[in-house]
PDB file of N, CA and C in Angstrom:
ATOM      1  N   UNK A   1     279.714-121.042 -79.484  1.00  0.00           N
ATOM      2  CA  UNK A   1     278.747-121.119 -79.906  1.00  0.00           C
ATOM      3  C   UNK A   1     277.222-121.001 -78.926  1.00  0.00           C
ATOM      4  N   UNK A   2     276.649-120.074 -79.338  1.00  0.00           N
ATOM      5  CA  UNK A   2     275.783-119.479 -78.246  1.00  0.00           C
ATOM      6  C   UNK A   2     274.775-120.037 -77.762  1.00  0.00           C
ATOM      7  N   UNK A   3     274.326-121.311 -78.789  1.00  0.00           N
ATOM      8  CA  UNK A   3     273.560-122.116 -78.315  1.00  0.00           C
ATOM      9  C   UNK A   3     273.940-123.219 -77.173  1.00  0.00           C
ATOM     10  N   UNK A   4     274.689-123.204 -77.186  1.00  0.00           N
ATOM     11  CA  UNK A   4     275.310-124.264 -75.895  1.00  0.00           C
ATOM     12  C   UNK A   4     275.003-123.728 -74.237  1.00  0.00           C
ATOM     13  N   UNK A   5     275.535-122.811 -73.961  1.00  0.00           N
ATOM     14  CA  UNK A   5     274.893-122.558 -72.526  1.00  0.00           C
ATOM     15  C   UNK A   5     273.453-122.104 -72.477  1.00  0.00           C
ATOM     16  N   UNK A   6     272.283-121.959 -73.603  1.00  0.00           N
ATOM     17  CA  UNK A   6     271.408-121.982 -73.353  1.00  0.00           C
ATOM     18  C   UNK A   6     270.678-123.394 -72.954  1.00  0.00           C
ATOM     19  N   UNK A   7     271.404-124.293 -73.774  1.00  0.00           N
ATOM     20  CA  UNK A   7     271.056-125.741 -73.815  1.00  0.00           C
ATOM     21  C   UNK A   7     271.508-126.327 -72.475  1.00  0.00           C
ATOM     22  N   UNK A   8     272.748-126.012 -71.997  1.00  0.00           N
ATOM     23  CA  UNK A   8     273.127-126.265 -70.923  1.00  0.00           C
ATOM     24  C   UNK A   8     272.354-125.883 -69.368  1.00  0.00           C
ATOM     25  N   UNK A   9     271.947-124.823 -69.814  1.00  0.00           N
ATOM     26  CA  UNK A   9     270.996-124.357 -68.455  1.00  0.00           C
ATOM     27  C   UNK A   9     269.722-125.132 -68.547  1.00  0.00           C
ATOM     28  N   UNK A  10     269.197-125.452 -69.887  1.00  0.00           N
ATOM     29  CA  UNK A  10     267.705-126.188 -69.859  1.00  0.00           C
ATOM     30  C   UNK A  10     268.050-127.443 -69.011  1.00  0.00           C
ATOM     31  N   UNK A  11     268.817-127.924 -69.801  1.00  0.00           N
ATOM     32  CA  UNK A  11     269.438-129.207 -69.352  1.00  0.00           C
ATOM     33  C   UNK A  11     269.523-129.749 -67.622  1.00  0.00           C
ATOM     34  N   UNK A  12     269.984-128.340 -67.028  1.00  0.00           N
ATOM     35  CA  UNK A  12     270.409-128.667 -65.770  1.00  0.00           C
ATOM     36  C   UNK A  12     268.915-127.931 -64.901  1.00  0.00           C
ATOM     37  N   UNK A  13     268.226-127.094 -65.570  1.00  0.00           N
ATOM     38  CA  UNK A  13     266.843-127.358 -64.989  1.00  0.00           C
ATOM     39  C   UNK A  13     265.993-128.242 -65.071  1.00  0.00           C
ATOM     40  N   UNK A  14     266.037-129.173 -66.026  1.00  0.00           N
ATOM     41  CA  UNK A  14     265.318-130.647 -66.002  1.00  0.00           C
ATOM     42  C   UNK A  14     265.717-131.105 -64.720  1.00  0.00           C
ATOM     43  N   UNK A  15     266.792-131.066 -64.495  1.00  0.00           N
ATOM     44  CA  UNK A  15     267.334-131.798 -63.097  1.00  0.00           C
ATOM     45  C   UNK A  15     266.230-131.753 -62.009  1.00  0.00           C
ATOM     46  N   UNK A  16     265.710-130.144 -61.877  1.00  0.00           N
ATOM     47  CA  UNK A  16     264.745-129.977 -60.719  1.00  0.00           C
ATOM     48  C   UNK A  16     263.584-130.201 -60.954  1.00  0.00           C
ATOM     49  N   UNK A  17     263.379-130.275 -62.180  1.00  0.00           N
ATOM     50  CA  UNK A  17     261.830-130.809 -62.679  1.00  0.00           C
ATOM     51  C   UNK A  17     261.297-132.201 -62.324  1.00  0.00           C
ATOM     52  N   UNK A  18     259.913-132.219 -62.233  1.00  0.00           N
ATOM     53  CA  UNK A  18     259.322-133.394 -61.871  1.00  0.00           C
ATOM     54  C   UNK A  18     258.898-134.476 -62.639  1.00  0.00           C
ATOM     55  N   UNK A  19     259.234-135.360 -63.039  1.00  0.00           N
ATOM     56  CA  UNK A  19     258.559-135.990 -64.731  1.00  0.00           C
ATOM     57  C   UNK A  19     258.899-137.486 -63.874  1.00  0.00           C
ATOM     58  N   UNK A  20     258.308-138.301 -64.504  1.00  0.00           N
ATOM     59  CA  UNK A  20     258.563-139.925 -64.999  1.00  0.00           C
ATOM     60  C   UNK A  20     258.543-140.296 -63.056  1.00  0.00           C
ATOM     61  N   UNK A  21     257.749-139.860 -62.655  1.00  0.00           N
ATOM     62  CA  UNK A  21     257.221-140.333 -61.572  1.00  0.00           C
ATOM     63  C   UNK A  21     258.232-139.952 -60.244  1.00  0.00           C
ATOM     64  N   UNK A  22     259.323-139.247 -60.752  1.00  0.00           N
ATOM     65  CA  UNK A  22     260.375-138.757 -59.620  1.00  0.00           C
ATOM     66  C   UNK A  22     260.316-137.074 -59.673  1.00  0.00           C
ATOM     67  N   UNK A  23     260.643-136.652 -58.084  1.00  0.00           N
ATOM     68  CA  UNK A  23     260.425-135.049 -58.043  1.00  0.00           C
ATOM     69  C   UNK A  23     261.324-134.655 -58.735  1.00  0.00           C
ATOM     70  N   UNK A  24     262.860-135.387 -58.796  1.00  0.00           N
ATOM     71  CA  UNK A  24     263.595-134.805 -59.582  1.00  0.00           C
ATOM     72  C   UNK A  24     264.557-135.424 -59.843  1.00  0.00           C
ATOM     73  N   UNK A  25     265.963-135.174 -60.137  1.00  0.00           N
ATOM     74  CA  UNK A  25     267.200-136.100 -60.218  1.00  0.00           C
ATOM     75  C   UNK A  25     267.359-136.690 -61.751  1.00  0.00           C
ATOM     76  N   UNK A  26     268.285-137.515 -61.750  1.00  0.00           N
ATOM     77  CA  UNK A  26     269.187-138.230 -63.205  1.00  0.00           C
ATOM     78  C   UNK A  26     267.730-138.270 -63.950  1.00  0.00           C
ATOM     79  N   UNK A  27     268.428-138.263 -65.302  1.00  0.00           N
ATOM     80  CA  UNK A  27     267.234-138.688 -66.182  1.00  0.00           C
ATOM     81  C   UNK A  27     268.258-138.599 -67.850  1.00  0.00           C
ATOM     82  N   UNK A  28     267.792-139.277 -68.492  1.00  0.00           N
ATOM     83  CA  UNK A  28     268.031-139.822 -69.479  1.00  0.00           C
ATOM     84  C   UNK A  28     266.940-138.848 -71.227  1.00  0.00           C
ATOM     85  N   UNK A  29     267.223-138.701 -72.122  1.00  0.00           N
ATOM     86  CA  UNK A  29     267.243-137.729 -73.109  1.00  0.00           C
ATOM     87  C   UNK A  29     267.683-138.344 -74.356  1.00  0.00           C
ATOM     88  N   UNK A  30     266.787-138.658 -75.484  1.00  0.00           N
ATOM     89  CA  UNK A  30     266.904-139.214 -76.676  1.00  0.00           C
ATOM     90  C   UNK A  30     268.048-138.312 -77.401  1.00  0.00           C
ATOM     91  N   UNK A  31     268.914-138.469 -78.276  1.00  0.00           N
ATOM     92  CA  UNK A  31     269.378-137.801 -78.992  1.00  0.00           C
ATOM     93  C   UNK A  31     268.726-137.094 -79.804  1.00  0.00           C
ATOM     94  N   UNK A  32     267.225-137.484 -80.364  1.00  0.00           N
ATOM     95  CA  UNK A  32     266.492-136.925 -81.264  1.00  0.00           C
ATOM     96  C   UNK A  32     266.022-135.639 -80.142  1.00  0.00           C
ATOM     97  N   UNK A  33     265.437-135.884 -78.796  1.00  0.00           N
ATOM     98  CA  UNK A  33     265.229-134.777 -78.440  1.00  0.00           C
ATOM     99  C   UNK A  33     265.993-133.671 -78.067  1.00  0.00           C
ATOM    100  N   UNK A  34     267.341-134.282 -77.474  1.00  0.00           N
ATOM    101  CA  UNK A  34     268.397-133.042 -77.588  1.00  0.00           C
ATOM    102  C   UNK A  34     268.743-132.174 -78.665  1.00  0.00           C
ATOM    103  N   UNK A  35     268.648-132.675 -80.201  1.00  0.00           N
ATOM    104  CA  UNK A  35     268.520-132.426 -80.969  1.00  0.00           C
ATOM    105  C   UNK A  35     267.607-130.970 -80.681  1.00  0.00           C
ATOM    106  N   UNK A  36     266.187-131.598 -80.788  1.00  0.00           N
ATOM    107  CA  UNK A  36     265.217-130.551 -80.758  1.00  0.00           C
ATOM    108  C   UNK A  36     265.083-129.570 -79.816  1.00  0.00           C
ATOM    109  N   UNK A  37     265.853-129.747 -78.667  1.00  0.00           N
ATOM    110  CA  UNK A  37     266.183-129.075 -77.556  1.00  0.00           C
ATOM    111  C   UNK A  37     267.369-127.762 -77.953  1.00  0.00           C
ATOM    112  N   UNK A  38     267.778-128.408 -78.984  1.00  0.00           N
ATOM    113  CA  UNK A  38     269.440-127.325 -79.407  1.00  0.00           C
ATOM    114  C   UNK A  38     269.020-126.651 -80.361  1.00  0.00           C
ATOM    115  N   UNK A  39     267.699-126.995 -81.109  1.00  0.00           N
ATOM    116  CA  UNK A  39     267.221-126.604 -82.728  1.00  0.00           C
ATOM    117  C   UNK A  39     268.120-126.602 -83.175  1.00  0.00           C
ATOM    118  N   UNK A  40     268.907-128.234 -83.614  1.00  0.00           N
ATOM    119  CA  UNK A  40     269.930-128.116 -84.605  1.00  0.00           C
ATOM    120  C   UNK A  40     269.954-130.043 -85.078  1.00  0.00           C
ATOM    121  N   UNK A  41     270.245-129.878 -86.433  1.00  0.00           N
ATOM    122  CA  UNK A  41     269.763-130.666 -87.462  1.00  0.00           C
ATOM    123  C   UNK A  41     270.643-131.912 -86.452  1.00  0.00           C
ATOM    124  N   UNK A  42     271.876-131.476 -86.549  1.00  0.00           N
ATOM    125  CA  UNK A  42     272.872-132.812 -85.949  1.00  0.00           C
ATOM    126  C   UNK A  42     273.783-132.134 -85.207  1.00  0.00           C
ATOM    127  N   UNK A  43     274.215-132.865 -84.062  1.00  0.00           N
ATOM    128  CA  UNK A  43     275.412-132.845 -83.039  1.00  0.00           C
ATOM    129  C   UNK A  43     276.455-133.341 -82.807  1.00  0.00           C
ATOM    130  N   UNK A  44     277.346-132.829 -83.828  1.00  0.00           N
ATOM    131  CA  UNK A  44     278.464-133.665 -83.688  1.00  0.00           C
ATOM    132  C   UNK A  44     279.241-133.817 -82.652  1.00  0.00           C
ATOM    133  N   UNK A  45     280.479-134.671 -82.579  1.00  0.00           N
ATOM    134  CA  UNK A  45     281.387-135.008 -81.537  1.00  0.00           C
ATOM    135  C   UNK A  45     281.028-133.636 -80.631  1.00  0.00           C
ATOM    136  N   UNK A  46     282.121-132.816 -81.302  1.00  0.00           N
ATOM    137  CA  UNK A  46     282.534-131.398 -80.675  1.00  0.00           C
ATOM    138  C   UNK A  46     281.509-131.186 -80.119  1.00  0.00           C
ATOM    139  N   UNK A  47     280.354-130.814 -80.704  1.00  0.00           N
ATOM    140  CA  UNK A  47     279.460-130.512 -79.896  1.00  0.00           C
ATOM    141  C   UNK A  47     278.677-130.749 -78.468  1.00  0.00           C
ATOM    142  N   UNK A  48     278.744-132.081 -78.543  1.00  0.00           N
ATOM    143  CA  UNK A  48     278.692-132.198 -77.392  1.00  0.00           C
ATOM    144  C   UNK A  48     279.298-132.325 -75.860  1.00  0.00           C
ATOM    145  N   UNK A  49     281.154-132.443 -76.822  1.00  0.00           N
ATOM    146  CA  UNK A  49     282.030-132.254 -75.642  1.00  0.00           C
ATOM    147  C   UNK A  49     281.827-130.779 -74.818  1.00  0.00           C
ATOM    148  N   UNK A  50     281.379-129.712 -75.835  1.00  0.00           N
ATOM    149  CA  UNK A  50     281.011-128.649 -75.639  1.00  0.00           C
ATOM    150  C   UNK A  50     280.017-128.214 -74.691  1.00  0.00           C
ATOM    151  N   UNK A  51     279.164-128.996 -75.107  1.00  0.00           N
ATOM    152  CA  UNK A  51     277.986-128.863 -74.006  1.00  0.00           C
ATOM    153  C   UNK A  51     278.402-129.692 -72.766  1.00  0.00           C
ATOM    154  N   UNK A  52     278.869-130.933 -72.973  1.00  0.00           N
ATOM    155  CA  UNK A  52     279.295-131.839 -71.797  1.00  0.00           C
ATOM    156  C   UNK A  52     280.085-131.021 -70.376  1.00  0.00           C
ATOM    157  N   UNK A  53     280.510-130.101 -71.450  1.00  0.00           N
ATOM    158  CA  UNK A  53     281.566-129.631 -70.534  1.00  0.00           C
ATOM    159  C   UNK A  53     281.239-128.450 -70.150  1.00  0.00           C
ATOM    160  N   UNK A  54     280.136-127.648 -70.320  1.00  0.00           N
ATOM    161  CA  UNK A  54     279.124-126.732 -69.893  1.00  0.00           C
ATOM    162  C   UNK A  54     277.969-126.922 -68.985  1.00  0.00           C
ATOM    163  N   UNK A  55     277.663-128.610 -69.009  1.00  0.00           N
ATOM    164  CA  UNK A  55     276.621-128.894 -68.074  1.00  0.00           C
ATOM    165  C   UNK A  55     278.317-129.215 -66.651  1.00  0.00           C
ATOM    166  N   UNK A  56     279.031-129.720 -66.733  1.00  0.00           N
ATOM    167  CA  UNK A  56     279.898-129.578 -65.780  1.00  0.00           C
ATOM    168  C   UNK A  56     280.485-128.612 -65.047  1.00  0.00           C
ATOM    169  N   UNK A  57     280.322-127.055 -65.817  1.00  0.00           N
ATOM    170  CA  UNK A  57     280.639-126.114 -65.386  1.00  0.00           C
ATOM    171  C   UNK A  57     279.317-125.959 -64.090  1.00  0.00           C
ATOM    172  N   UNK A  58     278.544-126.298 -64.763  1.00  0.00           N
ATOM    173  CA  UNK A  58     276.789-126.254 -63.254  1.00  0.00           C
ATOM    174  C   UNK A  58     276.944-127.284 -62.685  1.00  0.00           C
ATOM    175  N   UNK A  59     277.790-128.137 -62.338  1.00  0.00           N
ATOM    176  CA  UNK A  59     277.781-129.103 -61.502  1.00  0.00           C
ATOM    177  C   UNK A  59     276.841-130.480 -61.927  1.00  0.00           C
ATOM    178  N   UNK A  60     276.871-130.633 -63.487  1.00  0.00           N
ATOM    179  CA  UNK A  60     276.184-131.891 -63.942  1.00  0.00           C
ATOM    180  C   UNK A  60     276.768-132.727 -64.922  1.00  0.00           C
ATOM    181  N   UNK A  61     276.847-133.718 -64.893  1.00  0.00           N
ATOM    182  CA  UNK A  61     277.816-134.727 -66.320  1.00  0.00           C
ATOM    183  C   UNK A  61     277.084-135.299 -67.379  1.00  0.00           C
ATOM    184  N   UNK A  62     276.987-134.979 -68.320  1.00  0.00           N
ATOM    185  CA  UNK A  62     276.381-135.817 -69.194  1.00  0.00           C
ATOM    186  C   UNK A  62     277.036-136.642 -69.673  1.00  0.00           C
ATOM    187  N   UNK A  63     276.771-137.828 -70.026  1.00  0.00           N
ATOM    188  CA  UNK A  63     277.278-139.244 -70.508  1.00  0.00           C
ATOM    189  C   UNK A  63     276.361-139.725 -71.655  1.00  0.00           C
ATOM    190  N   UNK A  64     277.383-139.951 -72.944  1.00  0.00           N
ATOM    191  CA  UNK A  64     277.261-140.110 -73.993  1.00  0.00           C
ATOM    192  C   UNK A  64     276.690-141.621 -74.182  1.00  0.00           C
ATOM    193  N   UNK A  65     275.625-142.363 -74.404  1.00  0.00           N
ATOM    194  CA  UNK A  65     275.285-143.587 -74.358  1.00  0.00           C
ATOM    195  C   UNK A  65     274.974-143.940 -75.763  1.00  0.00           C
ATOM    196  N   UNK A  66     275.437-143.130 -76.819  1.00  0.00           N
ATOM    197  CA  UNK A  66     275.098-144.002 -77.992  1.00  0.00           C
ATOM    198  C   UNK A  66     273.731-143.299 -78.705  1.00  0.00           C
ATOM    199  N   UNK A  67     272.718-143.932 -78.373  1.00  0.00           N
ATOM    200  CA  UNK A  67     271.600-143.705 -78.557  1.00  0.00           C
ATOM    201  C   UNK A  67     270.577-142.689 -78.070  1.00  0.00           C
ATOM    202  N   UNK A  68     271.061-142.261 -76.680  1.00  0.00           N
ATOM    203  CA  UNK A  68     270.366-141.724 -76.003  1.00  0.00           C
ATOM    204  C   UNK A  68     271.615-140.811 -74.673  1.00  0.00           C
ATOM    205  N   UNK A  69     271.411-140.123 -74.331  1.00  0.00           N
ATOM    206  CA  UNK A  69     272.186-139.095 -72.855  1.00  0.00           C
ATOM    207  C   UNK A  69     271.893-139.115 -71.725  1.00  0.00           C
ATOM    208  N   UNK A  70     272.526-139.346 -71.002  1.00  0.00           N
ATOM    209  CA  UNK A  70     272.161-139.145 -69.070  1.00  0.00           C
ATOM    210  C   UNK A  70     272.720-138.131 -68.386  1.00  0.00           C
ATOM    211  N   UNK A  71     271.924-137.506 -68.110  1.00  0.00           N
ATOM    212  CA  UNK A  71     272.286-136.196 -67.108  1.00  0.00           C
ATOM    213  C   UNK A  71     272.101-136.806 -65.587  1.00  0.00           C
ATOM    214  N   UNK A  72     273.218-136.482 -65.157  1.00  0.00           N
ATOM    215  CA  UNK A  72     273.067-137.157 -63.510  1.00  0.00           C
ATOM    216  C   UNK A  72     274.466-136.079 -62.582  1.00  0.00           C
ATOM    217  N   UNK A  73     273.810-135.573 -61.601  1.00  0.00           N
ATOM    218  CA  UNK A  73     274.659-134.266 -60.642  1.00  0.00           C
ATOM    219  C   UNK A  73     276.063-134.988 -60.528  1.00  0.00           C
ATOM    220  N   UNK A  74     277.198-134.168 -60.903  1.00  0.00           N
ATOM    221  CA  UNK A  74     278.263-134.298 -60.435  1.00  0.00           C
ATOM    222  C   UNK A  74     278.685-135.088 -59.115  1.00  0.00           C
ATOM    223  N   UNK A  75     277.836-134.410 -58.177  1.00  0.00           N
ATOM    224  CA  UNK A  75     277.747-134.688 -56.621  1.00  0.00           C
ATOM    225  C   UNK A  75     277.475-136.027 -56.520  1.00  0.00           C
ATOM    226  N   UNK A  76     276.771-137.074 -57.608  1.00  0.00           N
ATOM    227  CA  UNK A  76     276.493-138.556 -57.126  1.00  0.00           C
ATOM    228  C   UNK A  76     277.808-139.185 -57.386  1.00  0.00           C
ATOM    229  N   UNK A  77     278.871-138.533 -58.013  1.00  0.00           N
ATOM    230  CA  UNK A  77     279.998-139.421 -58.079  1.00  0.00           C
ATOM    231  C   UNK A  77     280.694-139.474 -57.109  1.00  0.00           C
ATOM    232  N   UNK A  78     281.028-138.471 -56.113  1.00  0.00           N
ATOM    233  CA  UNK A  78     281.728-138.010 -54.997  1.00  0.00           C
ATOM    234  C   UNK A  78     281.813-139.110 -53.813  1.00  0.00           C
ATOM    235  N   UNK A  79     280.548-139.871 -53.636  1.00  0.00           N
ATOM    236  CA  UNK A  79     280.855-141.075 -52.483  1.00  0.00           C
ATOM    237  C   UNK A  79     281.328-142.169 -53.248  1.00  0.00           C
ATOM    238  N   UNK A  80     281.384-142.231 -54.709  1.00  0.00           N
ATOM    239  CA  UNK A  80     281.802-143.719 -54.919  1.00  0.00           C
ATOM    240  C   UNK A  80     282.947-144.364 -54.139  1.00  0.00           C
ATOM    241  N   UNK A  81     282.956-145.479 -53.964  1.00  0.00           N
ATOM    242  CA  UNK A  81     284.203-146.117 -53.360  1.00  0.00           C
ATOM    243  C   UNK A  81     285.288-146.073 -53.867  1.00  0.00           C
ATOM    244  N   UNK A  82     286.731-145.799 -53.985  1.00  0.00           N
ATOM    245  CA  UNK A  82     288.119-145.972 -54.278  1.00  0.00           C
ATOM    246  C   UNK A  82     288.878-147.237 -54.116  1.00  0.00           C
ATOM    247  N   UNK A  83     289.219-147.808 -54.823  1.00  0.00           N
ATOM    248  CA  UNK A  83     290.217-149.075 -54.583  1.00  0.00           C
ATOM    249  C   UNK A  83     291.440-148.640 -54.065  1.00  0.00           C
ATOM    250  N   UNK A  84     291.584-149.080 -53.283  1.00  0.00           N
ATOM    251  CA  UNK A  84     293.169-148.907 -53.027  1.00  0.00           C
ATOM    252  C   UNK A  84     294.132-149.382 -53.860  1.00  0.00           C
ATOM    253  N   UNK A  85     295.562-148.466 -53.731  1.00  0.00           N
ATOM    254  CA  UNK A  85     296.257-148.843 -55.252  1.00  0.00           C
ATOM    255  C   UNK A  85     297.023-150.190 -54.855  1.00  0.00           C
ATOM    256  N   UNK A  86     296.948-150.569 -53.494  1.00  0.00           N
ATOM    257  CA  UNK A  86     297.079-152.388 -53.924  1.00  0.00           C
ATOM    258  C   UNK A  86     296.587-153.171 -54.692  1.00  0.00           C
ATOM    259  N   UNK A  87     295.123-152.576 -54.825  1.00  0.00           N
ATOM    260  CA  UNK A  87     294.801-153.764 -56.065  1.00  0.00           C
ATOM    261  C   UNK A  87     294.800-153.376 -57.459  1.00  0.00           C
ATOM    262  N   UNK A  88     295.399-152.114 -57.292  1.00  0.00           N
ATOM    263  CA  UNK A  88     295.870-151.791 -58.778  1.00  0.00           C
ATOM    264  C   UNK A  88     297.730-152.381 -59.114  1.00  0.00           C
ATOM    265  N   UNK A  89     298.025-152.618 -58.374  1.00  0.00           N
ATOM    266  CA  UNK A  89     299.788-153.382 -58.470  1.00  0.00           C
ATOM    267  C   UNK A  89     299.808-154.411 -58.992  1.00  0.00           C
TER     268      UNK A  89
END
């Protein structure tokens, strides 16, 4: 699908643009606006999965929150705390 890399590039670029009172960073995008950005009438589960994969290749994570999507840098997750194995036993 040739629209996926174009959409992934644009979503990644939005991360570095100033809006919403912030110079850059994570953001949420409505399903309606994502459809407009991709020029699609519908986005199917497989479309979202491929778009998420393309964004991940660019260093970003696409999170489906049902009525909207969140785009975050994958580096945001690197310093999260890890539970010790003893807590999982």
